[in-house]
Amino acid sequence: LARKVEWLSERVQDLMRELLRLQWMPSAVPRSALQADLLAGVREKAV
């Protein structure tokens, strides 16, 4: 379990770095693509 926790901590750090990279470089993913991905999950659902 300690080895797994260490691996998960490294994974969280990698994901945090990726999140920061995406936040600081918003031009990497167009906003319309983000909106399309978010709204695609709404199809045929009650909100």
ModelCIF file with pLDDT and N, C-alpha, C, O atoms, coordinates in Angstrom:
data_MODEL
#
_entry.id   MODEL 
#
_entity.id                         1 
_entity.type                       polymer 
_entity.pdbx_number_of_molecules   1 
#
_entity_poly.entity_id                      1 
_entity_poly.type                           'polypeptide(L)' 
_entity_poly.nstd_linkage                   no 
_entity_poly.nstd_monomer                   no 
_entity_poly.pdbx_seq_one_letter_code       LARKVEWLSERVQDLMRELLRLQWMPSAVPRSALQADLLAGVREKAV 
_entity_poly.pdbx_seq_one_letter_code_can   LARKVEWLSERVQDLMRELLRLQWMPSAVPRSALQADLLAGVREKAV 
_entity_poly.pdbx_strand_id                 A 
#
loop_
_entity_poly_seq.entity_id 
_entity_poly_seq.num 
_entity_poly_seq.mon_id 
_entity_poly_seq.hetero 
1 1  LEU n 
1 2  ALA n 
1 3  ARG n 
1 4  LYS n 
1 5  VAL n 
1 6  GLU n 
1 7  TRP n 
1 8  LEU n 
1 9  SER n 
1 10 GLU n 
1 11 ARG n 
1 12 VAL n 
1 13 GLN n 
1 14 ASP n 
1 15 LEU n 
1 16 MET n 
1 17 ARG n 
1 18 GLU n 
1 19 LEU n 
1 20 LEU n 
1 21 ARG n 
1 22 LEU n 
1 23 GLN n 
1 24 TRP n 
1 25 MET n 
1 26 PRO n 
1 27 SER n 
1 28 ALA n 
1 29 VAL n 
1 30 PRO n 
1 31 ARG n 
1 32 SER n 
1 33 ALA n 
1 34 LEU n 
1 35 GLN n 
1 36 ALA n 
1 37 ASP n 
1 38 LEU n 
1 39 LEU n 
1 40 ALA n 
1 41 GLY n 
1 42 VAL n 
1 43 ARG n 
1 44 GLU n 
1 45 LYS n 
1 46 ALA n 
1 47 VAL n 
#
_struct_asym.id          A 
_struct_asym.entity_id   1 
#
loop_
_ma_qa_metric.id 
_ma_qa_metric.mode 
_ma_qa_metric.name 
_ma_qa_metric.software_group_id 
_ma_qa_metric.type 
1 global pLDDT . pLDDT 
2 local  pLDDT . pLDDT 
#
_ma_qa_metric_global.metric_id      1 
_ma_qa_metric_global.metric_value   71.02 
_ma_qa_metric_global.model_id       1 
_ma_qa_metric_global.ordinal_id     1 
#
loop_
_ma_qa_metric_local.label_asym_id 
_ma_qa_metric_local.label_comp_id 
_ma_qa_metric_local.label_seq_id 
_ma_qa_metric_local.metric_id 
_ma_qa_metric_local.metric_value 
_ma_qa_metric_local.model_id 
_ma_qa_metric_local.ordinal_id 
A LEU 1  2 91.00 1 1  
A ALA 2  2 91.00 1 2  
A ARG 3  2 93.00 1 3  
A LYS 4  2 93.00 1 4  
A VAL 5  2 92.00 1 5  
A GLU 6  2 90.00 1 6  
A TRP 7  2 91.00 1 7  
A LEU 8  2 90.00 1 8  
A SER 9  2 87.00 1 9  
A GLU 10 2 87.00 1 10 
A ARG 11 2 87.00 1 11 
A VAL 12 2 86.00 1 12 
A GLN 13 2 86.00 1 13 
A ASP 14 2 83.00 1 14 
A LEU 15 2 82.00 1 15 
A MET 16 2 80.00 1 16 
A ARG 17 2 80.00 1 17 
A GLU 18 2 79.00 1 18 
A LEU 19 2 74.00 1 19 
A LEU 20 2 71.00 1 20 
A ARG 21 2 72.00 1 21 
A LEU 22 2 69.00 1 22 
A GLN 23 2 64.00 1 23 
A TRP 24 2 64.00 1 24 
A MET 25 2 56.00 1 25 
A PRO 26 2 47.00 1 26 
A SER 27 2 49.00 1 27 
A ALA 28 2 44.00 1 28 
A VAL 29 2 45.00 1 29 
A PRO 30 2 49.00 1 30 
A ARG 31 2 47.00 1 31 
A SER 32 2 52.00 1 32 
A ALA 33 2 53.00 1 33 
A LEU 34 2 47.00 1 34 
A GLN 35 2 52.00 1 35 
A ALA 36 2 56.00 1 36 
A ASP 37 2 54.00 1 37 
A LEU 38 2 54.00 1 38 
A LEU 39 2 57.00 1 39 
A ALA 40 2 60.00 1 40 
A GLY 41 2 63.00 1 41 
A VAL 42 2 67.00 1 42 
A ARG 43 2 70.00 1 43 
A GLU 44 2 77.00 1 44 
A LYS 45 2 84.00 1 45 
A ALA 46 2 86.00 1 46 
A VAL 47 2 87.00 1 47 
#
loop_
_atom_site.group_PDB 
_atom_site.id 
_atom_site.type_symbol 
_atom_site.label_atom_id 
_atom_site.label_alt_id 
_atom_site.label_comp_id 
_atom_site.label_asym_id 
_atom_site.label_entity_id 
_atom_site.label_seq_id 
_atom_site.pdbx_PDB_ins_code 
_atom_site.Cartn_x 
_atom_site.Cartn_y 
_atom_site.Cartn_z 
_atom_site.occupancy 
_atom_site.B_iso_or_equiv 
_atom_site.pdbx_formal_charge 
_atom_site.auth_seq_id 
_atom_site.auth_comp_id 
_atom_site.auth_asym_id 
_atom_site.auth_atom_id 
_atom_site.pdbx_PDB_model_num 
ATOM 1   N N  . LEU A 1 1  ? 0.821   -1.210 0.000   1.00 91.00 ? 1  LEU A N  1 
ATOM 2   C CA . LEU A 1 1  ? 0.000   0.000  0.000   1.00 91.00 ? 1  LEU A CA 1 
ATOM 3   C C  . LEU A 1 1  ? 0.859   1.265  0.000   1.00 91.00 ? 1  LEU A C  1 
ATOM 4   O O  . LEU A 1 1  ? 0.503   2.254  -0.640  1.00 91.00 ? 1  LEU A O  1 
ATOM 5   N N  . ALA A 1 2  ? 1.974   1.238  0.706   1.00 91.00 ? 2  ALA A N  1 
ATOM 6   C CA . ALA A 1 2  ? 2.880   2.395  0.727   1.00 91.00 ? 2  ALA A CA 1 
ATOM 7   C C  . ALA A 1 2  ? 3.437   2.654  -0.671  1.00 91.00 ? 2  ALA A C  1 
ATOM 8   O O  . ALA A 1 2  ? 3.548   3.802  -1.100  1.00 91.00 ? 2  ALA A O  1 
ATOM 9   N N  . ARG A 1 3  ? 3.784   1.578  -1.376  1.00 93.00 ? 3  ARG A N  1 
ATOM 10  C CA . ARG A 1 3  ? 4.270   1.753  -2.758  1.00 93.00 ? 3  ARG A CA 1 
ATOM 11  C C  . ARG A 1 3  ? 3.168   2.327  -3.643  1.00 93.00 ? 3  ARG A C  1 
ATOM 12  O O  . ARG A 1 3  ? 3.431   3.183  -4.489  1.00 93.00 ? 3  ARG A O  1 
ATOM 13  N N  . LYS A 1 4  ? 1.937   1.860  -3.451  1.00 93.00 ? 4  LYS A N  1 
ATOM 14  C CA . LYS A 1 4  ? 0.809   2.361  -4.244  1.00 93.00 ? 4  LYS A CA 1 
ATOM 15  C C  . LYS A 1 4  ? 0.546   3.837  -3.936  1.00 93.00 ? 4  LYS A C  1 
ATOM 16  O O  . LYS A 1 4  ? 0.281   4.620  -4.848  1.00 93.00 ? 4  LYS A O  1 
ATOM 17  N N  . VAL A 1 5  ? 0.616   4.219  -2.667  1.00 92.00 ? 5  VAL A N  1 
ATOM 18  C CA . VAL A 1 5  ? 0.432   5.624  -2.282  1.00 92.00 ? 5  VAL A CA 1 
ATOM 19  C C  . VAL A 1 5  ? 1.503   6.492  -2.932  1.00 92.00 ? 5  VAL A C  1 
ATOM 20  O O  . VAL A 1 5  ? 1.213   7.585  -3.418  1.00 92.00 ? 5  VAL A O  1 
ATOM 21  N N  . GLU A 1 6  ? 2.717   6.010  -2.940  1.00 90.00 ? 6  GLU A N  1 
ATOM 22  C CA . GLU A 1 6  ? 3.799   6.765  -3.575  1.00 90.00 ? 6  GLU A CA 1 
ATOM 23  C C  . GLU A 1 6  ? 3.527   6.941  -5.062  1.00 90.00 ? 6  GLU A C  1 
ATOM 24  O O  . GLU A 1 6  ? 3.731   8.025  -5.608  1.00 90.00 ? 6  GLU A O  1 
ATOM 25  N N  . TRP A 1 7  ? 3.066   5.879  -5.720  1.00 91.00 ? 7  TRP A N  1 
ATOM 26  C CA . TRP A 1 7  ? 2.759   5.962  -7.146  1.00 91.00 ? 7  TRP A CA 1 
ATOM 27  C C  . TRP A 1 7  ? 1.605   6.938  -7.384  1.00 91.00 ? 7  TRP A C  1 
ATOM 28  O O  . TRP A 1 7  ? 1.650   7.736  -8.320  1.00 91.00 ? 7  TRP A O  1 
ATOM 29  N N  . LEU A 1 8  ? 0.569   6.875  -6.537  1.00 90.00 ? 8  LEU A N  1 
ATOM 30  C CA . LEU A 1 8  ? -0.573  7.777  -6.686  1.00 90.00 ? 8  LEU A CA 1 
ATOM 31  C C  . LEU A 1 8  ? -0.170  9.232  -6.442  1.00 90.00 ? 8  LEU A C  1 
ATOM 32  O O  . LEU A 1 8  ? -0.679  10.133 -7.110  1.00 90.00 ? 8  LEU A O  1 
ATOM 33  N N  . SER A 1 9  ? 0.727   9.468  -5.505  1.00 87.00 ? 9  SER A N  1 
ATOM 34  C CA . SER A 1 9  ? 1.211   10.831 -5.254  1.00 87.00 ? 9  SER A CA 1 
ATOM 35  C C  . SER A 1 9  ? 1.928   11.380 -6.483  1.00 87.00 ? 9  SER A C  1 
ATOM 36  O O  . SER A 1 9  ? 1.741   12.539 -6.853  1.00 87.00 ? 9  SER A O  1 
ATOM 37  N N  . GLU A 1 10 ? 2.733   10.557 -7.101  1.00 87.00 ? 10 GLU A N  1 
ATOM 38  C CA . GLU A 1 10 ? 3.409   10.981 -8.321  1.00 87.00 ? 10 GLU A CA 1 
ATOM 39  C C  . GLU A 1 10 ? 2.399   11.267 -9.426  1.00 87.00 ? 10 GLU A C  1 
ATOM 40  O O  . GLU A 1 10 ? 2.564   12.221 -10.186 1.00 87.00 ? 10 GLU A O  1 
ATOM 41  N N  . ARG A 1 11 ? 1.350   10.441 -9.519  1.00 87.00 ? 11 ARG A N  1 
ATOM 42  C CA . ARG A 1 11 ? 0.313   10.637 -10.547 1.00 87.00 ? 11 ARG A CA 1 
ATOM 43  C C  . ARG A 1 11 ? -0.436  11.952 -10.306 1.00 87.00 ? 11 ARG A C  1 
ATOM 44  O O  . ARG A 1 11 ? -0.710  12.694 -11.249 1.00 87.00 ? 11 ARG A O  1 
ATOM 45  N N  . VAL A 1 12 ? -0.764  12.237 -9.043  1.00 86.00 ? 12 VAL A N  1 
ATOM 46  C CA . VAL A 1 12 ? -1.442  13.494 -8.709  1.00 86.00 ? 12 VAL A CA 1 
ATOM 47  C C  . VAL A 1 12 ? -0.566  14.683 -9.091  1.00 86.00 ? 12 VAL A C  1 
ATOM 48  O O  . VAL A 1 12 ? -1.055  15.665 -9.650  1.00 86.00 ? 12 VAL A O  1 
ATOM 49  N N  . GLN A 1 13 ? 0.717   14.595 -8.792  1.00 86.00 ? 13 GLN A N  1 
ATOM 50  C CA . GLN A 1 13 ? 1.639   15.683 -9.152  1.00 86.00 ? 13 GLN A CA 1 
ATOM 51  C C  . GLN A 1 13 ? 1.682   15.880 -10.663 1.00 86.00 ? 13 GLN A C  1 
ATOM 52  O O  . GLN A 1 13 ? 1.685   17.013 -11.144 1.00 86.00 ? 13 GLN A O  1 
ATOM 53  N N  . ASP A 1 14 ? 1.714   14.777 -11.414 1.00 83.00 ? 14 ASP A N  1 
ATOM 54  C CA . ASP A 1 14 ? 1.705   14.875 -12.878 1.00 83.00 ? 14 ASP A CA 1 
ATOM 55  C C  . ASP A 1 14 ? 0.434   15.550 -13.376 1.00 83.00 ? 14 ASP A C  1 
ATOM 56  O O  . ASP A 1 14 ? 0.482   16.403 -14.263 1.00 83.00 ? 14 ASP A O  1 
ATOM 57  N N  . LEU A 1 15 ? -0.703  15.164 -12.803 1.00 82.00 ? 15 LEU A N  1 
ATOM 58  C CA . LEU A 1 15 ? -1.974  15.764 -13.212 1.00 82.00 ? 15 LEU A CA 1 
ATOM 59  C C  . LEU A 1 15 ? -2.050  17.238 -12.833 1.00 82.00 ? 15 LEU A C  1 
ATOM 60  O O  . LEU A 1 15 ? -2.591  18.045 -13.589 1.00 82.00 ? 15 LEU A O  1 
ATOM 61  N N  . MET A 1 16 ? -1.513  17.598 -11.665 1.00 80.00 ? 16 MET A N  1 
ATOM 62  C CA . MET A 1 16 ? -1.503  19.006 -11.255 1.00 80.00 ? 16 MET A CA 1 
ATOM 63  C C  . MET A 1 16 ? -0.639  19.835 -12.206 1.00 80.00 ? 16 MET A C  1 
ATOM 64  O O  . MET A 1 16 ? -1.004  20.950 -12.580 1.00 80.00 ? 16 MET A O  1 
ATOM 65  N N  . ARG A 1 17 ? 0.511   19.275 -12.592 1.00 80.00 ? 17 ARG A N  1 
ATOM 66  C CA . ARG A 1 17 ? 1.359   19.983 -13.554 1.00 80.00 ? 17 ARG A CA 1 
ATOM 67  C C  . ARG A 1 17 ? 0.644   20.164 -14.881 1.00 80.00 ? 17 ARG A C  1 
ATOM 68  O O  . ARG A 1 17 ? 0.738   21.225 -15.498 1.00 80.00 ? 17 ARG A O  1 
ATOM 69  N N  . GLU A 1 18 ? -0.067  19.140 -15.322 1.00 79.00 ? 18 GLU A N  1 
ATOM 70  C CA . GLU A 1 18 ? -0.816  19.229 -16.578 1.00 79.00 ? 18 GLU A CA 1 
ATOM 71  C C  . GLU A 1 18 ? -1.922  20.275 -16.473 1.00 79.00 ? 18 GLU A C  1 
ATOM 72  O O  . GLU A 1 18 ? -2.153  21.035 -17.413 1.00 79.00 ? 18 GLU A O  1 
ATOM 73  N N  . LEU A 1 19 ? -2.606  20.314 -15.326 1.00 74.00 ? 19 LEU A N  1 
ATOM 74  C CA . LEU A 1 19 ? -3.652  21.306 -15.113 1.00 74.00 ? 19 LEU A CA 1 
ATOM 75  C C  . LEU A 1 19 ? -3.077  22.717 -15.156 1.00 74.00 ? 19 LEU A C  1 
ATOM 76  O O  . LEU A 1 19 ? -3.637  23.597 -15.808 1.00 74.00 ? 19 LEU A O  1 
ATOM 77  N N  . LEU A 1 20 ? -1.975  22.931 -14.475 1.00 71.00 ? 20 LEU A N  1 
ATOM 78  C CA . LEU A 1 20 ? -1.339  24.247 -14.499 1.00 71.00 ? 20 LEU A CA 1 
ATOM 79  C C  . LEU A 1 20 ? -0.897  24.622 -15.906 1.00 71.00 ? 20 LEU A C  1 
ATOM 80  O O  . LEU A 1 20 ? -1.024  25.774 -16.318 1.00 71.00 ? 20 LEU A O  1 
ATOM 81  N N  . ARG A 1 21 ? -0.385  23.656 -16.629 1.00 72.00 ? 21 ARG A N  1 
ATOM 82  C CA . ARG A 1 21 ? 0.042   23.928 -18.004 1.00 72.00 ? 21 ARG A CA 1 
ATOM 83  C C  . ARG A 1 21 ? -1.154  24.369 -18.850 1.00 72.00 ? 21 ARG A C  1 
ATOM 84  O O  . ARG A 1 21 ? -1.050  25.313 -19.633 1.00 72.00 ? 21 ARG A O  1 
ATOM 85  N N  . LEU A 1 22 ? -2.288  23.685 -18.689 1.00 69.00 ? 22 LEU A N  1 
ATOM 86  C CA . LEU A 1 22 ? -3.475  24.046 -19.454 1.00 69.00 ? 22 LEU A CA 1 
ATOM 87  C C  . LEU A 1 22 ? -4.041  25.397 -19.027 1.00 69.00 ? 22 LEU A C  1 
ATOM 88  O O  . LEU A 1 22 ? -4.577  26.137 -19.852 1.00 69.00 ? 22 LEU A O  1 
ATOM 89  N N  . GLN A 1 23 ? -3.922  25.717 -17.736 1.00 64.00 ? 23 GLN A N  1 
ATOM 90  C CA . GLN A 1 23 ? -4.423  27.008 -17.267 1.00 64.00 ? 23 GLN A CA 1 
ATOM 91  C C  . GLN A 1 23 ? -3.565  28.159 -17.774 1.00 64.00 ? 23 GLN A C  1 
ATOM 92  O O  . GLN A 1 23 ? -4.083  29.230 -18.089 1.00 64.00 ? 23 GLN A O  1 
ATOM 93  N N  . TRP A 1 24 ? -2.274  27.945 -17.853 1.00 64.00 ? 24 TRP A N  1 
ATOM 94  C CA . TRP A 1 24 ? -1.389  29.014 -18.295 1.00 64.00 ? 24 TRP A CA 1 
ATOM 95  C C  . TRP A 1 24 ? -1.300  29.118 -19.805 1.00 64.00 ? 24 TRP A C  1 
ATOM 96  O O  . TRP A 1 24 ? -0.847  30.137 -20.327 1.00 64.00 ? 24 TRP A O  1 
ATOM 97  N N  . MET A 1 25 ? -1.720  28.091 -20.511 1.00 56.00 ? 25 MET A N  1 
ATOM 98  C CA . MET A 1 25 ? -1.712  28.134 -21.970 1.00 56.00 ? 25 MET A CA 1 
ATOM 99  C C  . MET A 1 25 ? -3.106  27.835 -22.492 1.00 56.00 ? 25 MET A C  1 
ATOM 100 O O  . MET A 1 25 ? -3.339  26.756 -23.037 1.00 56.00 ? 25 MET A O  1 
ATOM 101 N N  . PRO A 1 26 ? -4.048  28.779 -22.335 1.00 47.00 ? 26 PRO A N  1 
ATOM 102 C CA . PRO A 1 26 ? -5.417  28.507 -22.749 1.00 47.00 ? 26 PRO A CA 1 
ATOM 103 C C  . PRO A 1 26 ? -5.572  28.363 -24.253 1.00 47.00 ? 26 PRO A C  1 
ATOM 104 O O  . PRO A 1 26 ? -6.569  27.809 -24.716 1.00 47.00 ? 26 PRO A O  1 
ATOM 105 N N  . SER A 1 27 ? -4.617  28.845 -25.021 1.00 49.00 ? 27 SER A N  1 
ATOM 106 C CA . SER A 1 27 ? -4.736  28.731 -26.463 1.00 49.00 ? 27 SER A CA 1 
ATOM 107 C C  . SER A 1 27 ? -4.480  27.309 -26.941 1.00 49.00 ? 27 SER A C  1 
ATOM 108 O O  . SER A 1 27 ? -4.758  26.997 -28.099 1.00 49.00 ? 27 SER A O  1 
ATOM 109 N N  . ALA A 1 28 ? -3.956  26.435 -26.080 1.00 44.00 ? 28 ALA A N  1 
ATOM 110 C CA . ALA A 1 28 ? -3.673  25.055 -26.478 1.00 44.00 ? 28 ALA A CA 1 
ATOM 111 C C  . ALA A 1 28 ? -4.961  24.299 -26.802 1.00 44.00 ? 28 ALA A C  1 
ATOM 112 O O  . ALA A 1 28 ? -4.967  23.457 -27.700 1.00 44.00 ? 28 ALA A O  1 
ATOM 113 N N  . VAL A 1 29 ? -6.059  24.584 -26.082 1.00 45.00 ? 29 VAL A N  1 
ATOM 114 C CA . VAL A 1 29 ? -7.340  23.949 -26.352 1.00 45.00 ? 29 VAL A CA 1 
ATOM 115 C C  . VAL A 1 29 ? -8.361  25.057 -26.569 1.00 45.00 ? 29 VAL A C  1 
ATOM 116 O O  . VAL A 1 29 ? -8.611  25.841 -25.653 1.00 45.00 ? 29 VAL A O  1 
ATOM 117 N N  . PRO A 1 30 ? -8.960  25.145 -27.761 1.00 49.00 ? 30 PRO A N  1 
ATOM 118 C CA . PRO A 1 30 ? -9.931  26.208 -28.004 1.00 49.00 ? 30 PRO A CA 1 
ATOM 119 C C  . PRO A 1 30 ? -11.130 26.085 -27.077 1.00 49.00 ? 30 PRO A C  1 
ATOM 120 O O  . PRO A 1 30 ? -11.569 24.981 -26.758 1.00 49.00 ? 30 PRO A O  1 
ATOM 121 N N  . ARG A 1 31 ? -11.646 27.208 -26.656 1.00 47.00 ? 31 ARG A N  1 
ATOM 122 C CA . ARG A 1 31 ? -12.756 27.201 -25.724 1.00 47.00 ? 31 ARG A CA 1 
ATOM 123 C C  . ARG A 1 31 ? -13.994 26.545 -26.311 1.00 47.00 ? 31 ARG A C  1 
ATOM 124 O O  . ARG A 1 31 ? -14.743 25.891 -25.585 1.00 47.00 ? 31 ARG A O  1 
ATOM 125 N N  . SER A 1 32 ? -14.225 26.703 -27.599 1.00 52.00 ? 32 SER A N  1 
ATOM 126 C CA . SER A 1 32 ? -15.396 26.078 -28.200 1.00 52.00 ? 32 SER A CA 1 
ATOM 127 C C  . SER A 1 32 ? -15.304 24.560 -28.111 1.00 52.00 ? 32 SER A C  1 
ATOM 128 O O  . SER A 1 32 ? -16.330 23.893 -27.972 1.00 52.00 ? 32 SER A O  1 
ATOM 129 N N  . ALA A 1 33 ? -14.097 23.999 -28.187 1.00 53.00 ? 33 ALA A N  1 
ATOM 130 C CA . ALA A 1 33 ? -13.926 22.548 -28.035 1.00 53.00 ? 33 ALA A CA 1 
ATOM 131 C C  . ALA A 1 33 ? -14.229 22.131 -26.601 1.00 53.00 ? 33 ALA A C  1 
ATOM 132 O O  . ALA A 1 33 ? -14.857 21.097 -26.373 1.00 53.00 ? 33 ALA A O  1 
ATOM 133 N N  . LEU A 1 34 ? -13.783 22.938 -25.627 1.00 47.00 ? 34 LEU A N  1 
ATOM 134 C CA . LEU A 1 34 ? -14.099 22.644 -24.225 1.00 47.00 ? 34 LEU A CA 1 
ATOM 135 C C  . LEU A 1 34 ? -15.597 22.680 -23.995 1.00 47.00 ? 34 LEU A C  1 
ATOM 136 O O  . LEU A 1 34 ? -16.160 21.799 -23.345 1.00 47.00 ? 34 LEU A O  1 
ATOM 137 N N  . GLN A 1 35 ? -16.236 23.707 -24.536 1.00 52.00 ? 35 GLN A N  1 
ATOM 138 C CA . GLN A 1 35 ? -17.673 23.832 -24.355 1.00 52.00 ? 35 GLN A CA 1 
ATOM 139 C C  . GLN A 1 35 ? -18.395 22.660 -25.011 1.00 52.00 ? 35 GLN A C  1 
ATOM 140 O O  . GLN A 1 35 ? -19.354 22.135 -24.446 1.00 52.00 ? 35 GLN A O  1 
ATOM 141 N N  . ALA A 1 36 ? -17.953 22.245 -26.187 1.00 56.00 ? 36 ALA A N  1 
ATOM 142 C CA . ALA A 1 36 ? -18.581 21.119 -26.870 1.00 56.00 ? 36 ALA A CA 1 
ATOM 143 C C  . ALA A 1 36 ? -18.461 19.851 -26.040 1.00 56.00 ? 36 ALA A C  1 
ATOM 144 O O  . ALA A 1 36 ? -19.418 19.083 -25.941 1.00 56.00 ? 36 ALA A O  1 
ATOM 145 N N  . ASP A 1 37 ? -17.291 19.621 -25.440 1.00 54.00 ? 37 ASP A N  1 
ATOM 146 C CA . ASP A 1 37 ? -17.101 18.443 -24.590 1.00 54.00 ? 37 ASP A CA 1 
ATOM 147 C C  . ASP A 1 37 ? -18.013 18.496 -23.372 1.00 54.00 ? 37 ASP A C  1 
ATOM 148 O O  . ASP A 1 37 ? -18.614 17.487 -23.002 1.00 54.00 ? 37 ASP A O  1 
ATOM 149 N N  . LEU A 1 38 ? -18.122 19.673 -22.742 1.00 54.00 ? 38 LEU A N  1 
ATOM 150 C CA . LEU A 1 38 ? -18.956 19.801 -21.548 1.00 54.00 ? 38 LEU A CA 1 
ATOM 151 C C  . LEU A 1 38 ? -20.425 19.608 -21.877 1.00 54.00 ? 38 LEU A C  1 
ATOM 152 O O  . LEU A 1 38 ? -21.141 18.910 -21.160 1.00 54.00 ? 38 LEU A O  1 
ATOM 153 N N  . LEU A 1 39 ? -20.871 20.225 -22.956 1.00 57.00 ? 39 LEU A N  1 
ATOM 154 C CA . LEU A 1 39 ? -22.283 20.168 -23.290 1.00 57.00 ? 39 LEU A CA 1 
ATOM 155 C C  . LEU A 1 39 ? -22.678 18.847 -23.928 1.00 57.00 ? 39 LEU A C  1 
ATOM 156 O O  . LEU A 1 39 ? -23.863 18.515 -23.953 1.00 57.00 ? 39 LEU A O  1 
ATOM 157 N N  . ALA A 1 40 ? -21.715 18.079 -24.449 1.00 60.00 ? 40 ALA A N  1 
ATOM 158 C CA . ALA A 1 40 ? -22.043 16.777 -25.024 1.00 60.00 ? 40 ALA A CA 1 
ATOM 159 C C  . ALA A 1 40 ? -22.587 15.837 -23.956 1.00 60.00 ? 40 ALA A C  1 
ATOM 160 O O  . ALA A 1 40 ? -23.414 14.975 -24.253 1.00 60.00 ? 40 ALA A O  1 
ATOM 161 N N  . GLY A 1 41 ? -22.131 15.993 -22.716 1.00 63.00 ? 41 GLY A N  1 
ATOM 162 C CA . GLY A 1 41 ? -22.610 15.152 -21.633 1.00 63.00 ? 41 GLY A CA 1 
ATOM 163 C C  . GLY A 1 41 ? -24.018 15.505 -21.187 1.00 63.00 ? 41 GLY A C  1 
ATOM 164 O O  . GLY A 1 41 ? -24.607 14.772 -20.393 1.00 63.00 ? 41 GLY A O  1 
ATOM 165 N N  . VAL A 1 42 ? -24.576 16.609 -21.674 1.00 67.00 ? 42 VAL A N  1 
ATOM 166 C CA . VAL A 1 42 ? -25.904 17.071 -21.281 1.00 67.00 ? 42 VAL A CA 1 
ATOM 167 C C  . VAL A 1 42 ? -26.988 16.505 -22.198 1.00 67.00 ? 42 VAL A C  1 
ATOM 168 O O  . VAL A 1 42 ? -28.170 16.540 -21.856 1.00 67.00 ? 42 VAL A O  1 
ATOM 169 N N  . ARG A 1 43 ? -26.594 15.991 -23.344 1.00 70.00 ? 43 ARG A N  1 
ATOM 170 C CA . ARG A 1 43 ? -27.565 15.511 -24.331 1.00 70.00 ? 43 ARG A CA 1 
ATOM 171 C C  . ARG A 1 43 ? -28.529 14.517 -23.692 1.00 70.00 ? 43 ARG A C  1 
ATOM 172 O O  . ARG A 1 43 ? -28.114 13.557 -23.042 1.00 70.00 ? 43 ARG A O  1 
ATOM 173 N N  . GLU A 1 44 ? -29.831 14.765 -23.892 1.00 77.00 ? 44 GLU A N  1 
ATOM 174 C CA . GLU A 1 44 ? -30.922 13.929 -23.412 1.00 77.00 ? 44 GLU A CA 1 
ATOM 175 C C  . GLU A 1 44 ? -30.951 13.771 -21.892 1.00 77.00 ? 44 GLU A C  1 
ATOM 176 O O  . GLU A 1 44 ? -31.409 12.745 -21.388 1.00 77.00 ? 44 GLU A O  1 
ATOM 177 N N  . LYS A 1 45 ? -30.472 14.763 -21.164 1.00 84.00 ? 45 LYS A N  1 
ATOM 178 C CA . LYS A 1 45 ? -30.516 14.737 -19.702 1.00 84.00 ? 45 LYS A CA 1 
ATOM 179 C C  . LYS A 1 45 ? -31.266 15.962 -19.207 1.00 84.00 ? 45 LYS A C  1 
ATOM 180 O O  . LYS A 1 45 ? -31.325 16.989 -19.883 1.00 84.00 ? 45 LYS A O  1 
ATOM 181 N N  . ALA A 1 46 ? -31.837 15.837 -18.018 1.00 86.00 ? 46 ALA A N  1 
ATOM 182 C CA . ALA A 1 46 ? -32.525 16.955 -17.386 1.00 86.00 ? 46 ALA A CA 1 
ATOM 183 C C  . ALA A 1 46 ? -31.527 17.701 -16.504 1.00 86.00 ? 46 ALA A C  1 
ATOM 184 O O  . ALA A 1 46 ? -30.850 17.103 -15.667 1.00 86.00 ? 46 ALA A O  1 
ATOM 185 N N  . VAL A 1 47 ? -31.448 19.019 -16.706 1.00 87.00 ? 47 VAL A N  1 
ATOM 186 C CA . VAL A 1 47 ? -30.519 19.849 -15.946 1.00 87.00 ? 47 VAL A CA 1 
ATOM 187 C C  . VAL A 1 47 ? -31.331 20.877 -15.168 1.00 87.00 ? 47 VAL A C  1 
ATOM 188 O O  . VAL A 1 47 ? -30.761 21.695 -14.446 1.00 87.00 ? 47 VAL A O  1 
#
